Amino acid sequence: ALDTGLQGDFWWVDPISPDVAYLGGTYGRVVRVDRSGTSLAVEELTTPASGQDDDGIIVFGVLATGDDVWAAGGLLGGVRGGFVWRSQAGGALDAVALPTTTVDYVMWKAAARAPDDVWFVGTKGLTFHWDGTSMTEVAFDEDASLFTVALDDNGAVAVGGPTFGRIIARDRDDGAPWQAVTSGTDLMPALFGVHLRGDDGLVVGQSGMVLTRKDGAFEPEQLGFPMFVTLHSCFLGDDGLGWAVGGSLTGLPLTGGVLLRRTP
């Protein structure tokens, strides 16, 4: 355990190398950490929340791409106060105006192919695309809370809930809206994590739900053992290993942490 010397919680991390990562969390905090052995250099970036001493302002997602660092978040409770912040070339993070008439929302996560191709997702079916110059809203028509977005060479996939699980997809070169993706289960719980690699993909969610993408479709995967907690995020490695993490996420404190591994 490496001590940052900071109070509060971290909610997300984006590693840009084995020893450098950006973290986001309470107090609207965005931090760069540089590790050398057992020592840790911590740089807290200036954000629009700096100096407010409010642990209810939360960076739920942080992303580094090129010289930019992005933060997506809102207020504790996940209902209102949504924001997207951007840092250029290591400078302070500034608020980015979001082109929407929607009120009382939260932004959850971000993903990027390149500095001029960044996607953001949030509550109320909100998705935004940054093209390097401006932000465009490409909203999903349903009132879904889209928790995570993942990108590949063909397009984007986002997942969410909150009552029933939703998977939506959008072709990379298609100007049409997001389209709902069906799966092999009718009563799908809320989904929280998605990761794409090549033609493969993983989606995870409540009640230990795991779906695998094959030939463009997502089908439920049988774990072979009971799993009652929520799987929050997932990852597919180059070696074919699949990973999922989660726990009891329905209230604080967060407990019952689990780590799952799928061999090729």
Protein backbone atom coordinates (compact mmCIF):
# COMPACT_ATOMS: atom_id res chain seq x y z
CA ALA A 1 0.00 0.00 0.00
CA LEU A 2 1.48 3.33 -1.13
CA ASP A 3 0.32 6.35 0.87
CA THR A 4 -0.75 9.38 -1.16
CA GLY A 5 -1.03 11.56 1.93
CA LEU A 6 -4.52 12.61 0.82
CA GLN A 7 -7.84 12.14 2.61
CA GLY A 8 -10.94 10.82 0.92
CA ASP A 9 -11.64 8.07 -1.60
CA PHE A 10 -10.40 7.33 -5.09
CA TRP A 11 -13.10 6.08 -7.46
CA TRP A 12 -11.23 5.41 -10.71
CA VAL A 13 -7.75 5.04 -12.14
CA ASP A 14 -6.23 5.28 -15.61
CA PRO A 15 -2.67 3.89 -15.79
CA ILE A 16 -0.64 5.31 -18.66
CA SER A 17 2.46 3.18 -17.93
CA PRO A 18 3.51 0.58 -15.33
CA ASP A 19 4.59 3.39 -12.99
CA VAL A 20 2.38 6.38 -13.87
CA ALA A 21 -1.37 6.72 -13.38
CA TYR A 22 -4.11 9.30 -13.01
CA LEU A 23 -6.70 8.89 -10.26
CA GLY A 24 -10.00 10.60 -9.59
CA GLY A 25 -12.27 10.66 -6.56
CA THR A 26 -13.89 12.66 -3.79
CA TYR A 27 -13.34 16.40 -3.32
CA GLY A 28 -13.40 16.62 -7.14
CA ARG A 29 -9.83 15.42 -6.98
CA VAL A 30 -7.61 14.44 -9.94
CA VAL A 31 -4.15 13.17 -9.03
CA ARG A 32 -1.12 12.01 -10.99
CA VAL A 33 1.01 9.40 -9.22
CA ASP A 34 4.55 8.39 -10.27
CA ARG A 35 5.87 5.26 -8.62
CA SER A 36 9.54 4.41 -8.10
CA GLY A 37 9.99 1.22 -6.13
CA THR A 38 8.14 1.74 -2.86
CA SER A 39 8.10 5.54 -3.10
CA LEU A 40 5.31 7.56 -4.65
CA ALA A 41 5.35 11.07 -6.08
CA VAL A 42 1.88 12.62 -5.92
CA GLU A 43 0.78 15.64 -7.94
CA GLU A 44 -2.71 16.98 -7.30
CA LEU A 45 -4.02 18.83 -10.35
CA THR A 46 -6.08 21.98 -9.94
CA THR A 47 -9.76 21.43 -10.76
CA PRO A 48 -12.92 23.56 -10.62
CA ALA A 49 -13.56 21.93 -7.21
CA SER A 50 -10.17 22.85 -5.72
CA GLY A 51 -10.51 24.83 -2.50
CA GLN A 52 -14.18 23.92 -1.95
CA ASP A 53 -13.39 21.15 0.58
CA ASP A 54 -16.51 19.24 -0.52
CA ASP A 55 -16.18 15.45 -0.51
CA GLY A 56 -19.58 15.21 -2.23
CA ILE A 57 -18.05 16.36 -5.53
CA ILE A 58 -16.84 13.12 -7.09
CA VAL A 59 -14.75 12.33 -10.15
CA PHE A 60 -16.28 9.00 -11.17
CA GLY A 61 -14.11 8.55 -14.25
CA VAL A 62 -10.67 9.80 -15.27
CA LEU A 63 -8.93 9.37 -18.63
CA ALA A 64 -5.56 10.37 -20.06
CA THR A 65 -5.10 10.54 -23.82
CA GLY A 66 -2.25 12.31 -25.55
CA ASP A 67 -1.54 15.53 -23.64
CA ASP A 68 -5.10 15.71 -22.31
CA VAL A 69 -6.50 14.50 -19.01
CA TRP A 70 -10.29 14.25 -18.73
CA ALA A 71 -12.49 13.91 -15.65
CA ALA A 72 -16.19 12.97 -15.59
CA GLY A 73 -18.35 13.16 -12.50
CA GLY A 74 -21.08 14.73 -10.41
CA LEU A 75 -22.38 14.93 -6.87
CA LEU A 76 -22.57 12.07 -4.39
CA GLY A 77 -25.77 10.11 -4.96
CA GLY A 78 -25.37 10.03 -8.73
CA VAL A 79 -28.34 12.28 -9.54
CA ARG A 80 -27.12 15.81 -10.28
CA GLY A 81 -24.13 18.09 -10.64
CA GLY A 82 -22.76 16.40 -13.76
CA PHE A 83 -19.55 17.73 -15.29
CA VAL A 84 -16.72 17.06 -17.73
CA TRP A 85 -13.33 18.69 -17.07
CA ARG A 86 -10.24 18.83 -19.28
CA SER A 87 -6.56 19.44 -18.63
CA GLN A 88 -4.26 20.35 -21.53
CA ALA A 89 -0.51 19.72 -21.41
CA GLY A 90 -0.47 19.17 -17.66
CA GLY A 91 -2.34 22.35 -16.80
CA ALA A 92 -5.34 22.87 -14.56
CA LEU A 93 -8.58 21.09 -15.38
CA ASP A 94 -11.27 23.41 -16.68
CA ALA A 95 -14.98 22.79 -17.14
CA VAL A 96 -16.06 21.87 -20.66
CA ALA A 97 -19.51 23.10 -21.66
CA LEU A 98 -21.79 20.21 -22.55
CA PRO A 99 -24.28 20.90 -25.37
CA THR A 100 -27.45 19.58 -23.75
CA THR A 101 -30.75 20.87 -22.38
CA THR A 102 -30.91 17.99 -19.88
CA VAL A 103 -30.77 19.00 -16.22
CA ASP A 104 -29.88 17.07 -13.06
CA TYR A 105 -27.55 14.46 -14.49
CA VAL A 106 -24.19 12.87 -13.69
CA MET A 107 -21.38 11.84 -16.02
CA TRP A 108 -19.86 8.44 -15.24
CA LYS A 109 -17.02 7.41 -17.54
CA ALA A 110 -14.93 8.27 -20.61
CA ALA A 111 -13.02 6.32 -23.27
CA ALA A 112 -10.80 7.39 -26.18
CA ARG A 113 -9.24 6.08 -29.37
CA ALA A 114 -7.20 9.27 -29.73
CA PRO A 115 -7.13 12.81 -28.31
CA ASP A 116 -9.61 13.86 -31.02
CA ASP A 117 -11.96 10.89 -30.55
CA VAL A 118 -13.23 10.78 -26.95
CA TRP A 119 -16.61 9.53 -25.69
CA PHE A 120 -18.39 10.29 -22.41
CA VAL A 121 -21.46 8.59 -20.92
CA GLY A 122 -23.78 9.43 -18.04
CA THR A 123 -27.29 9.29 -16.64
CA LYS A 124 -30.48 9.96 -18.63
CA GLY A 125 -29.03 8.32 -21.74
CA LEU A 126 -26.46 11.07 -22.21
CA THR A 127 -23.44 10.48 -24.41
CA PHE A 128 -21.04 13.12 -25.73
CA HIS A 129 -18.28 12.98 -28.35
CA TRP A 130 -15.18 15.18 -28.42
CA ASP A 131 -13.64 15.57 -31.89
CA GLY A 132 -10.60 17.58 -30.77
CA THR A 133 -12.38 20.90 -31.19
CA SER A 134 -15.94 20.66 -29.92
CA MET A 135 -18.33 18.48 -27.95
CA THR A 136 -21.39 16.92 -29.61
CA GLU A 137 -24.32 15.22 -27.89
CA VAL A 138 -25.31 11.85 -29.35
CA ALA A 139 -27.98 10.91 -26.82
CA PHE A 140 -29.62 7.52 -26.42
CA ASP A 141 -33.38 8.02 -26.61
CA GLU A 142 -34.20 6.04 -23.45
CA ASP A 143 -33.80 7.29 -19.88
CA ALA A 144 -30.92 4.92 -19.15
CA SER A 145 -27.98 5.43 -16.85
CA LEU A 146 -24.99 4.55 -19.02
CA PHE A 147 -22.18 3.59 -16.67
CA THR A 148 -19.31 2.63 -18.97
CA VAL A 149 -18.31 3.03 -22.61
CA ALA A 150 -15.69 1.06 -24.56
CA LEU A 151 -14.28 1.62 -28.04
CA ASP A 152 -12.78 -0.54 -30.76
CA ASP A 153 -11.93 -0.04 -34.44
CA ASN A 154 -15.56 -0.66 -35.44
CA GLY A 155 -17.35 1.64 -33.04
CA ALA A 156 -18.50 2.07 -29.47
CA VAL A 157 -20.45 0.01 -26.94
CA ALA A 158 -21.99 1.41 -23.76
CA VAL A 159 -23.75 -0.43 -20.92
CA GLY A 160 -25.98 0.59 -18.06
CA GLY A 161 -29.29 0.28 -16.21
CA PRO A 162 -30.54 0.99 -13.61
CA THR A 163 -33.64 -1.25 -13.52
CA PHE A 164 -32.93 -3.47 -16.50
CA GLY A 165 -29.58 -3.97 -18.17
CA ARG A 166 -28.95 -2.12 -21.40
CA ILE A 167 -26.30 -2.60 -24.08
CA ILE A 168 -26.15 0.00 -26.84
CA ALA A 169 -23.79 0.27 -29.80
CA ARG A 170 -22.86 2.77 -32.48
CA ASP A 171 -20.84 2.20 -35.64
CA ARG A 172 -17.71 4.32 -35.84
CA ASP A 173 -18.56 5.94 -39.18
CA ASP A 174 -22.31 5.98 -38.70
CA GLY A 175 -24.03 9.31 -38.07
CA ALA A 176 -27.15 7.54 -36.79
CA PRO A 177 -28.12 7.42 -33.10
CA TRP A 178 -27.13 4.65 -30.72
CA GLN A 179 -28.93 1.37 -31.23
CA ALA A 180 -30.03 -1.07 -28.53
CA VAL A 181 -28.26 -4.44 -28.66
CA THR A 182 -30.20 -7.55 -27.77
CA SER A 183 -28.73 -10.41 -25.77
CA GLY A 184 -29.58 -14.00 -25.01
CA THR A 185 -31.49 -13.16 -21.83
CA ASP A 186 -34.81 -11.36 -21.43
CA LEU A 187 -34.50 -10.27 -17.78
CA MET A 188 -31.03 -8.79 -17.68
CA PRO A 189 -29.96 -6.97 -14.50
CA ALA A 190 -28.22 -3.59 -14.58
CA LEU A 191 -24.84 -3.66 -16.29
CA PHE A 192 -21.80 -1.72 -15.12
CA GLY A 193 -18.66 -2.67 -17.06
CA VAL A 194 -17.66 -3.33 -20.67
CA HIS A 195 -14.32 -3.95 -22.35
CA LEU A 196 -13.61 -4.68 -26.01
CA ARG A 197 -10.57 -6.27 -27.63
CA GLY A 198 -10.61 -7.18 -31.30
CA ASP A 199 -13.76 -9.15 -32.04
CA ASP A 200 -14.13 -10.18 -28.40
CA GLY A 201 -15.77 -8.35 -25.54
CA LEU A 202 -16.92 -8.68 -21.95
CA VAL A 203 -19.87 -7.08 -20.15
CA VAL A 204 -20.51 -7.44 -16.40
CA GLY A 205 -23.20 -6.34 -13.98
CA GLN A 206 -25.48 -7.10 -11.08
CA SER A 207 -26.00 -10.61 -9.67
CA GLY A 208 -22.69 -11.73 -11.13
CA MET A 209 -23.90 -11.21 -14.69
CA VAL A 210 -21.21 -11.86 -17.33
CA LEU A 211 -21.83 -11.60 -21.07
CA THR A 212 -19.37 -12.46 -23.84
CA ARG A 213 -19.31 -10.91 -27.30
CA LYS A 214 -18.95 -13.25 -30.25
CA ASP A 215 -19.73 -12.32 -33.86
CA GLY A 216 -21.12 -8.98 -32.73
CA ALA A 217 -23.65 -10.43 -30.26
CA PHE A 218 -23.51 -10.59 -26.47
CA GLU A 219 -24.53 -13.84 -24.82
CA PRO A 220 -24.70 -14.74 -21.10
CA GLU A 221 -21.81 -16.79 -19.78
CA GLN A 222 -22.41 -19.47 -17.15
CA LEU A 223 -20.02 -19.02 -14.24
CA GLY A 224 -20.59 -22.46 -12.77
CA PHE A 225 -20.88 -21.10 -9.22
CA PRO A 226 -23.26 -18.72 -7.40
CA MET A 227 -22.43 -15.02 -7.54
CA PHE A 228 -24.77 -12.56 -5.86
CA VAL A 229 -22.68 -9.39 -5.79
CA THR A 230 -22.35 -6.75 -8.49
CA LEU A 231 -19.46 -6.94 -10.95
CA HIS A 232 -18.41 -3.37 -11.59
CA SER A 233 -15.68 -3.51 -14.24
CA CYS A 234 -13.91 -5.96 -16.52
CA PHE A 235 -10.84 -6.32 -18.71
CA LEU A 236 -9.69 -8.54 -21.59
CA GLY A 237 -5.95 -9.04 -21.95
CA ASP A 238 -3.88 -9.75 -25.05
CA ASP A 239 -3.26 -13.22 -23.62
CA GLY A 240 -6.97 -14.00 -23.70
CA LEU A 241 -7.44 -13.77 -19.94
CA GLY A 242 -10.66 -12.15 -18.79
CA TRP A 243 -10.92 -10.28 -15.48
CA ALA A 244 -13.86 -8.89 -13.51
CA VAL A 245 -14.04 -7.11 -10.15
CA GLY A 246 -16.90 -6.06 -7.93
CA GLY A 247 -18.62 -6.47 -4.59
CA SER A 248 -21.61 -5.20 -2.66
CA LEU A 249 -22.22 -1.79 -4.22
CA THR A 250 -25.74 -1.00 -2.98
CA GLY A 251 -24.60 1.16 -0.07
CA LEU A 252 -21.69 2.47 1.94
CA PRO A 253 -19.37 1.12 3.10
CA LEU A 254 -18.54 -0.95 0.03
CA THR A 255 -17.87 -4.55 1.08
CA GLY A 256 -17.67 -8.12 -0.21
CA GLY A 257 -15.02 -7.48 -2.85
CA VAL A 258 -14.53 -10.20 -5.47
CA LEU A 259 -12.02 -10.83 -8.25
CA LEU A 260 -12.85 -13.22 -11.08
CA ARG A 261 -10.49 -14.60 -13.72
CA ARG A 262 -11.48 -16.40 -16.91
CA THR A 263 -8.84 -18.48 -18.66
CA PRO A 264 -8.84 -18.69 -22.48
